[in-house]
Protein backbone atom coordinates (compact mmCIF):
# COMPACT_ATOMS: atom_id res chain seq x y z
CA VAL A 1 111.82 117.35 116.39
CA GLN A 2 109.72 119.83 115.72
CA LEU A 3 108.23 119.51 111.84
CA GLN A 4 107.55 122.70 110.04
CA ALA A 5 105.17 121.30 106.76
CA SER A 6 104.80 123.69 103.68
CA GLY A 7 103.44 124.50 100.56
CA GLY A 8 100.54 123.29 101.10
CA GLY A 9 97.66 125.13 98.45
CA SER A 10 94.61 124.42 95.90
CA VAL A 11 95.34 123.56 92.08
CA GLN A 12 93.63 121.95 89.08
CA SER A 13 93.74 118.87 87.50
CA GLY A 14 97.09 118.17 86.16
CA GLY A 15 98.94 120.44 87.88
CA SER A 16 101.78 120.92 90.69
CA LEU A 17 103.05 121.85 94.02
CA ARG A 18 105.63 120.97 96.14
CA LEU A 19 105.50 120.26 99.70
CA SER A 20 108.14 121.16 102.24
CA CYS A 21 108.95 119.86 105.79
CA THR A 22 111.72 120.89 107.73
CA GLY A 23 112.99 119.88 111.32
CA SER A 24 114.46 121.43 114.07
CA GLN A 25 117.22 118.85 114.28
CA ARG A 26 119.45 116.59 111.61
CA LEU A 27 115.99 114.43 110.56
CA SER A 28 118.95 111.32 108.58
CA ALA A 29 119.85 111.26 111.81
CA PHE A 30 116.13 109.07 111.92
CA ASN A 31 115.27 105.93 110.92
CA ALA A 32 112.72 106.87 107.68
CA MET A 33 111.34 110.36 106.52
CA ASN A 34 107.87 109.87 105.06
CA TRP A 35 104.76 111.92 103.97
CA TYR A 36 101.36 111.19 104.74
CA ARG A 37 97.71 111.94 103.93
CA GLN A 38 94.56 112.04 104.95
CA ALA A 39 91.24 113.00 102.99
CA PRO A 40 88.33 113.84 104.63
CA GLY A 41 86.35 110.59 106.26
CA THR A 42 89.13 108.47 105.44
CA GLN A 43 92.61 107.50 107.77
CA ARG A 44 96.24 108.39 107.46
CA THR A 45 97.80 106.16 104.84
CA LEU A 46 101.28 106.23 103.35
CA VAL A 47 102.03 107.98 100.71
CA ALA A 48 106.10 108.85 100.38
CA THR A 49 109.30 107.66 102.28
CA ILE A 50 112.62 107.82 102.35
CA THR A 51 115.29 106.88 104.11
CA PRO A 52 118.65 108.15 105.16
CA TYR A 53 120.23 106.23 102.60
CA GLY A 54 118.26 107.47 99.91
CA HIS A 55 115.46 104.71 99.23
CA THR A 56 112.41 105.66 98.43
CA ASN A 57 109.46 104.13 98.35
CA TYR A 58 105.69 104.82 97.09
CA ALA A 59 101.90 104.73 97.42
CA ASP A 60 100.85 102.29 94.44
CA SER A 61 98.47 105.47 93.39
CA VAL A 62 101.09 108.24 93.19
CA LYS A 63 103.40 106.17 91.77
CA GLY A 64 105.46 108.54 88.56
CA ARG A 65 103.01 111.22 89.33
CA PHE A 66 104.82 112.11 93.20
CA THR A 67 108.70 112.57 94.22
CA ILE A 68 109.93 112.67 97.75
CA SER A 69 113.70 113.41 98.35
CA SER A 70 115.46 115.89 101.34
CA ASP A 71 118.20 118.20 101.27
CA ASN A 72 120.41 116.56 104.57
CA ALA A 73 121.80 120.21 105.21
CA LYS A 74 118.56 122.57 105.69
CA ASN A 75 116.90 119.34 107.66
CA THR A 76 114.58 119.74 104.65
CA ILE A 77 112.43 116.54 103.19
CA TYR A 78 110.13 117.73 99.90
CA LEU A 79 106.83 116.12 98.05
CA GLN A 80 106.67 116.65 94.26
CA MET A 81 103.72 116.12 93.44
CA ASN A 82 102.84 116.72 89.91
CA ASN A 83 100.34 115.37 87.73
CA LEU A 84 97.60 115.90 90.43
CA LYS A 85 94.26 114.42 90.69
CA PRO A 86 90.85 115.42 92.78
CA GLU A 87 91.79 112.36 94.23
CA ASP A 88 95.22 114.05 95.67
CA THR A 89 92.52 116.30 98.22
CA ALA A 90 93.80 115.54 101.73
CA VAL A 91 95.20 117.30 104.70
CA TYR A 92 99.72 116.18 103.92
CA TYR A 93 101.55 115.53 106.89
CA CYS A 94 105.46 115.09 107.56
CA ASN A 95 106.80 112.21 109.26
CA VAL A 96 109.63 111.19 111.16
CA GLU A 97 110.81 107.52 112.96
CA GLU A 98 112.50 107.86 115.59
CA ALA A 99 114.12 104.19 116.69
CA LEU A 100 114.04 103.23 120.54
CA ILE A 101 114.92 100.32 122.32
CA ASN A 102 111.84 98.03 121.47
CA SER A 103 109.33 100.17 119.57
CA VAL A 104 109.84 103.33 116.93
CA LEU A 105 108.32 106.64 117.87
CA ASP A 106 106.24 108.63 115.56
CA HIS A 107 106.88 112.65 115.36
CA TRP A 108 104.20 114.65 113.14
CA GLY A 109 104.19 118.00 111.88
CA GLN A 110 100.72 120.10 111.63
CA GLY A 111 99.56 119.44 108.05
CA THR A 112 99.22 121.35 104.94
CA GLN A 113 96.74 121.14 102.58
CA VAL A 114 96.29 120.41 98.92
CA THR A 115 93.12 120.66 97.26
CA VAL A 116 92.50 119.38 93.79
CA SER A 117 89.56 120.39 91.72
CA SER A 118 88.75 118.71 88.46
């Protein structure tokens, strides 16, 4: 599967952005759909997860501010980010997990930059 992320940009603290990630095939066929982020000099970390059943999970740092959702008809997942803070500045990556017989294969989008200024 190929993933195309978009929607990043530069906003001031307290602003909002919505990221989109469109897949070349049905994303609901995968185990889970995720958004990760990576700030300069840090490891990539999980931000939010949604399963094909609609169950969601969030990192503590974004709970109450970010919302992950999916549109199966469009093969797209979204990350609505509200009340953005400078510490949310990072490259955001979408990811889907493909279940193999004894392991999981990760598929990644190309990343989209989010910059939040104070």
